[in-house]
Amino acid sequence: MADSDVRGSKMTEDSETDEKSLRDLVVGLAQAMSEMKQDMSEIKRDISENKQETSVVGMRMDLMREKILTAVGKTRQFTVEHSKRLRQDLMEEFKEKLVVVRQQ
């Protein structure tokens, strides 16, 4: 009988140890899940911030593109007008010299 009491006591100790190990494992898993949830929240927040920054950069690039296109258009118009004036000035100068040469 004493032998069976020892075995019963041993089994009780083993089951208590197993139960404690199981509890520790469950607590560890719960903590790991909580940390993972926090990490996921941080990742989602970072992704959201990156999307906002990307959107702002996109808008700035669009604005810069419009400014560049406007500047190119103005430069082109100035160049065309300047070329016309230069051509007219050269033609007038040529005509004046032609008149002088003919009068000689």
N, C-alpha and C. Protein backbone atom coordinates (compact mmCIF):
# COMPACT_ATOMS: atom_id res chain seq x y z
N MET A 1 0.80 -1.18 0.00
CA MET A 1 0.00 0.00 0.00
C MET A 1 0.86 1.27 0.00
N ALA A 2 1.90 1.21 0.76
CA ALA A 2 2.80 2.35 0.82
C ALA A 2 3.38 2.62 -0.54
N ASP A 3 3.60 1.56 -1.29
CA ASP A 3 4.13 1.69 -2.64
C ASP A 3 3.15 2.45 -3.53
N SER A 4 1.88 2.16 -3.38
CA SER A 4 0.88 2.83 -4.22
C SER A 4 0.72 4.28 -3.79
N ASP A 5 0.90 4.59 -2.50
CA ASP A 5 0.85 5.97 -2.02
C ASP A 5 2.00 6.79 -2.61
N VAL A 6 3.16 6.18 -2.69
CA VAL A 6 4.33 6.85 -3.25
C VAL A 6 4.08 7.14 -4.72
N ARG A 7 3.53 6.12 -5.41
CA ARG A 7 3.25 6.33 -6.84
C ARG A 7 2.19 7.42 -7.03
N GLY A 8 1.16 7.41 -6.22
CA GLY A 8 0.11 8.42 -6.31
C GLY A 8 0.66 9.80 -6.02
N SER A 9 1.52 9.89 -5.02
CA SER A 9 2.15 11.16 -4.68
C SER A 9 3.04 11.64 -5.82
N LYS A 10 3.77 10.69 -6.39
CA LYS A 10 4.66 11.01 -7.52
C LYS A 10 3.84 11.49 -8.71
N MET A 11 2.72 10.83 -9.00
CA MET A 11 1.87 11.22 -10.13
C MET A 11 1.27 12.61 -9.90
N THR A 12 0.89 12.88 -8.65
CA THR A 12 0.33 14.19 -8.32
C THR A 12 1.38 15.27 -8.54
N GLU A 13 2.60 15.02 -8.08
CA GLU A 13 3.68 15.99 -8.29
C GLU A 13 3.95 16.19 -9.77
N ASP A 14 3.98 15.09 -10.54
CA ASP A 14 4.22 15.18 -11.98
C ASP A 14 3.11 15.96 -12.67
N SER A 15 1.86 15.68 -12.29
CA SER A 15 0.75 16.38 -12.95
C SER A 15 0.75 17.85 -12.58
N GLU A 16 1.14 18.17 -11.33
CA GLU A 16 1.25 19.58 -10.93
C GLU A 16 2.35 20.27 -11.72
N THR A 17 3.47 19.58 -11.91
CA THR A 17 4.58 20.13 -12.69
C THR A 17 4.14 20.33 -14.14
N ASP A 18 3.44 19.32 -14.68
CA ASP A 18 2.94 19.43 -16.06
C ASP A 18 1.94 20.58 -16.19
N GLU A 19 1.08 20.71 -15.18
CA GLU A 19 0.07 21.77 -15.21
C GLU A 19 0.75 23.15 -15.15
N LYS A 20 1.77 23.28 -14.28
CA LYS A 20 2.50 24.54 -14.18
C LYS A 20 3.21 24.84 -15.49
N SER A 21 3.83 23.83 -16.09
CA SER A 21 4.51 24.02 -17.38
C SER A 21 3.52 24.46 -18.44
N LEU A 22 2.34 23.84 -18.43
CA LEU A 22 1.31 24.19 -19.40
C LEU A 22 0.84 25.63 -19.19
N ARG A 23 0.64 26.00 -17.90
CA ARG A 23 0.23 27.37 -17.60
C ARG A 23 1.29 28.36 -18.07
N ASP A 24 2.55 28.06 -17.77
CA ASP A 24 3.65 28.93 -18.20
C ASP A 24 3.68 29.06 -19.72
N LEU A 25 3.45 27.95 -20.40
CA LEU A 25 3.43 27.96 -21.86
C LEU A 25 2.30 28.83 -22.39
N VAL A 26 1.12 28.70 -21.79
CA VAL A 26 -0.04 29.49 -22.22
C VAL A 26 0.20 30.97 -21.95
N VAL A 27 0.76 31.29 -20.78
CA VAL A 27 1.07 32.68 -20.46
C VAL A 27 2.09 33.23 -21.45
N GLY A 28 3.12 32.45 -21.76
CA GLY A 28 4.13 32.87 -22.73
C GLY A 28 3.52 33.11 -24.10
N LEU A 29 2.64 32.22 -24.51
CA LEU A 29 1.97 32.38 -25.81
C LEU A 29 1.10 33.63 -25.82
N ALA A 30 0.38 33.87 -24.73
CA ALA A 30 -0.47 35.06 -24.64
C ALA A 30 0.37 36.33 -24.73
N GLN A 31 1.52 36.34 -24.04
CA GLN A 31 2.41 37.50 -24.09
C GLN A 31 2.96 37.69 -25.50
N ALA A 32 3.35 36.58 -26.13
CA ALA A 32 3.89 36.67 -27.49
C ALA A 32 2.83 37.20 -28.45
N MET A 33 1.58 36.73 -28.28
CA MET A 33 0.49 37.20 -29.13
C MET A 33 0.23 38.69 -28.91
N SER A 34 0.30 39.12 -27.66
CA SER A 34 0.10 40.54 -27.35
C SER A 34 1.20 41.39 -28.00
N GLU A 35 2.44 40.92 -27.90
CA GLU A 35 3.55 41.64 -28.53
C GLU A 35 3.39 41.67 -30.04
N MET A 36 2.96 40.55 -30.61
CA MET A 36 2.75 40.50 -32.07
C MET A 36 1.65 41.48 -32.48
N LYS A 37 0.60 41.57 -31.65
CA LYS A 37 -0.49 42.49 -31.95
C LYS A 37 0.01 43.94 -31.92
N GLN A 38 0.84 44.27 -30.93
CA GLN A 38 1.41 45.61 -30.85
C GLN A 38 2.31 45.88 -32.05
N ASP A 39 3.13 44.89 -32.41
CA ASP A 39 4.00 45.04 -33.58
C ASP A 39 3.19 45.26 -34.84
N MET A 40 2.10 44.52 -34.99
CA MET A 40 1.24 44.67 -36.16
C MET A 40 0.62 46.07 -36.20
N SER A 41 0.23 46.57 -35.03
CA SER A 41 -0.34 47.92 -34.97
C SER A 41 0.70 48.95 -35.40
N GLU A 42 1.94 48.77 -34.93
CA GLU A 42 3.01 49.69 -35.33
C GLU A 42 3.26 49.62 -36.83
N ILE A 43 3.28 48.41 -37.35
CA ILE A 43 3.51 48.22 -38.79
C ILE A 43 2.40 48.89 -39.59
N LYS A 44 1.15 48.71 -39.16
CA LYS A 44 0.02 49.34 -39.85
C LYS A 44 0.13 50.86 -39.79
N ARG A 45 0.55 51.38 -38.64
CA ARG A 45 0.71 52.83 -38.49
C ARG A 45 1.82 53.33 -39.42
N ASP A 46 2.92 52.58 -39.47
CA ASP A 46 4.02 52.96 -40.37
C ASP A 46 3.58 52.93 -41.83
N ILE A 47 2.83 51.91 -42.19
CA ILE A 47 2.34 51.80 -43.57
C ILE A 47 1.44 52.98 -43.90
N SER A 48 0.57 53.33 -42.97
CA SER A 48 -0.34 54.47 -43.17
C SER A 48 0.46 55.77 -43.35
N GLU A 49 1.47 55.96 -42.50
CA GLU A 49 2.31 57.16 -42.62
C GLU A 49 3.04 57.18 -43.96
N ASN A 50 3.55 56.03 -44.37
CA ASN A 50 4.25 55.95 -45.65
C ASN A 50 3.32 56.27 -46.81
N LYS A 51 2.07 55.79 -46.73
CA LYS A 51 1.10 56.08 -47.78
C LYS A 51 0.84 57.58 -47.85
N GLN A 52 0.69 58.22 -46.69
CA GLN A 52 0.45 59.66 -46.66
C GLN A 52 1.64 60.41 -47.23
N GLU A 53 2.85 60.01 -46.84
CA GLU A 53 4.04 60.67 -47.35
C GLU A 53 4.16 60.48 -48.86
N THR A 54 3.85 59.28 -49.32
CA THR A 54 3.90 59.00 -50.76
C THR A 54 2.89 59.87 -51.50
N SER A 55 1.72 60.03 -50.92
CA SER A 55 0.69 60.86 -51.53
C SER A 55 1.15 62.32 -51.61
N VAL A 56 1.74 62.81 -50.54
CA VAL A 56 2.24 64.19 -50.52
C VAL A 56 3.34 64.37 -51.56
N VAL A 57 4.25 63.41 -51.62
CA VAL A 57 5.34 63.49 -52.60
C VAL A 57 4.77 63.48 -54.01
N GLY A 58 3.77 62.64 -54.25
CA GLY A 58 3.13 62.59 -55.56
C GLY A 58 2.50 63.92 -55.94
N MET A 59 1.82 64.54 -54.98
CA MET A 59 1.21 65.85 -55.25
C MET A 59 2.27 66.91 -55.53
N ARG A 60 3.35 66.86 -54.76
CA ARG A 60 4.43 67.83 -54.99
C ARG A 60 5.06 67.63 -56.36
N MET A 61 5.24 66.38 -56.74
CA MET A 61 5.81 66.10 -58.06
C MET A 61 4.88 66.59 -59.16
N ASP A 62 3.57 66.39 -58.99
CA ASP A 62 2.61 66.89 -59.98
C ASP A 62 2.68 68.41 -60.08
N LEU A 63 2.78 69.07 -58.93
CA LEU A 63 2.88 70.53 -58.92
C LEU A 63 4.16 70.99 -59.61
N MET A 64 5.28 70.32 -59.30
CA MET A 64 6.55 70.67 -59.94
C MET A 64 6.47 70.45 -61.44
N ARG A 65 5.83 69.37 -61.85
CA ARG A 65 5.67 69.07 -63.28
C ARG A 65 4.91 70.20 -63.97
N GLU A 66 3.82 70.65 -63.34
CA GLU A 66 3.04 71.74 -63.91
C GLU A 66 3.86 73.02 -64.01
N LYS A 67 4.64 73.30 -62.96
CA LYS A 67 5.48 74.50 -62.99
C LYS A 67 6.53 74.40 -64.10
N ILE A 68 7.11 73.22 -64.24
CA ILE A 68 8.12 73.02 -65.28
C ILE A 68 7.50 73.19 -66.66
N LEU A 69 6.32 72.58 -66.86
CA LEU A 69 5.65 72.71 -68.16
C LEU A 69 5.31 74.17 -68.45
N THR A 70 4.86 74.89 -67.43
CA THR A 70 4.55 76.31 -67.61
C THR A 70 5.82 77.08 -67.97
N ALA A 71 6.91 76.81 -67.25
CA ALA A 71 8.17 77.50 -67.53
C ALA A 71 8.68 77.17 -68.93
N VAL A 72 8.56 75.92 -69.34
CA VAL A 72 8.99 75.53 -70.69
C VAL A 72 8.15 76.24 -71.73
N GLY A 73 6.84 76.31 -71.49
CA GLY A 73 5.96 77.01 -72.43
C GLY A 73 6.31 78.48 -72.54
N LYS A 74 6.55 79.13 -71.40
CA LYS A 74 6.93 80.55 -71.42
C LYS A 74 8.27 80.75 -72.12
N THR A 75 9.21 79.85 -71.85
CA THR A 75 10.52 79.95 -72.50
C THR A 75 10.40 79.78 -74.00
N ARG A 76 9.59 78.83 -74.41
CA ARG A 76 9.38 78.59 -75.84
C ARG A 76 8.76 79.82 -76.49
N GLN A 77 7.75 80.39 -75.85
CA GLN A 77 7.09 81.58 -76.38
C GLN A 77 8.07 82.75 -76.47
N PHE A 78 8.87 82.94 -75.42
CA PHE A 78 9.87 84.01 -75.43
C PHE A 78 10.86 83.80 -76.57
N THR A 79 11.31 82.56 -76.74
CA THR A 79 12.28 82.25 -77.80
C THR A 79 11.70 82.54 -79.17
N VAL A 80 10.45 82.17 -79.39
CA VAL A 80 9.80 82.42 -80.68
C VAL A 80 9.69 83.92 -80.92
N GLU A 81 9.22 84.65 -79.92
CA GLU A 81 9.08 86.10 -80.07
C GLU A 81 10.44 86.77 -80.28
N HIS A 82 11.44 86.34 -79.53
CA HIS A 82 12.78 86.90 -79.67
C HIS A 82 13.34 86.62 -81.06
N SER A 83 13.12 85.41 -81.54
CA SER A 83 13.60 85.06 -82.89
C SER A 83 12.93 85.92 -83.95
N LYS A 84 11.64 86.17 -83.81
CA LYS A 84 10.92 87.02 -84.77
C LYS A 84 11.48 88.43 -84.75
N ARG A 85 11.67 88.99 -83.55
CA ARG A 85 12.22 90.35 -83.45
C ARG A 85 13.63 90.42 -84.03
N LEU A 86 14.43 89.42 -83.73
CA LEU A 86 15.80 89.39 -84.24
C LEU A 86 15.80 89.31 -85.76
N ARG A 87 14.93 88.48 -86.32
CA ARG A 87 14.82 88.36 -87.77
C ARG A 87 14.38 89.69 -88.39
N GLN A 88 13.38 90.33 -87.76
CA GLN A 88 12.91 91.62 -88.27
C GLN A 88 14.02 92.67 -88.21
N ASP A 89 14.74 92.70 -87.09
CA ASP A 89 15.84 93.67 -86.96
C ASP A 89 16.91 93.42 -88.02
N LEU A 90 17.25 92.17 -88.24
CA LEU A 90 18.26 91.84 -89.25
C LEU A 90 17.78 92.19 -90.65
N MET A 91 16.50 91.95 -90.92
CA MET A 91 15.95 92.29 -92.24
C MET A 91 15.99 93.81 -92.45
N GLU A 92 15.60 94.56 -91.43
CA GLU A 92 15.64 96.03 -91.55
C GLU A 92 17.07 96.51 -91.76
N GLU A 93 18.00 95.95 -91.00
CA GLU A 93 19.40 96.33 -91.16
C GLU A 93 19.90 95.99 -92.56
N PHE A 94 19.51 94.81 -93.05
CA PHE A 94 19.91 94.40 -94.39
C PHE A 94 19.34 95.35 -95.44
N LYS A 95 18.05 95.70 -95.29
CA LYS A 95 17.40 96.61 -96.25
C LYS A 95 18.08 97.98 -96.23
N GLU A 96 18.41 98.47 -95.04
CA GLU A 96 19.08 99.77 -94.93
C GLU A 96 20.43 99.73 -95.64
N LYS A 97 21.19 98.66 -95.43
CA LYS A 97 22.49 98.54 -96.10
C LYS A 97 22.32 98.39 -97.60
N LEU A 98 21.28 97.70 -98.02
CA LEU A 98 21.01 97.53 -99.44
C LEU A 98 20.69 98.87 -100.08
N VAL A 99 19.92 99.69 -99.38
CA VAL A 99 19.59 101.03 -99.89
C VAL A 99 20.86 101.86 -100.01
N VAL A 100 21.73 101.80 -99.01
CA VAL A 100 22.99 102.55 -99.04
C VAL A 100 23.84 102.09 -100.20
N VAL A 101 23.93 100.80 -100.41
CA VAL A 101 24.74 100.26 -101.50
C VAL A 101 24.17 100.69 -102.84
N ARG A 102 22.87 100.70 -103.01
CA ARG A 102 22.23 101.08 -104.28
C ARG A 102 22.42 102.57 -104.55
N GLN A 103 22.48 103.37 -103.50
CA GLN A 103 22.63 104.81 -103.67
C GLN A 103 24.06 105.17 -104.08
N GLN A 104 24.96 104.31 -103.89
CA GLN A 104 26.36 104.63 -104.23
C GLN A 104 26.60 104.51 -105.67
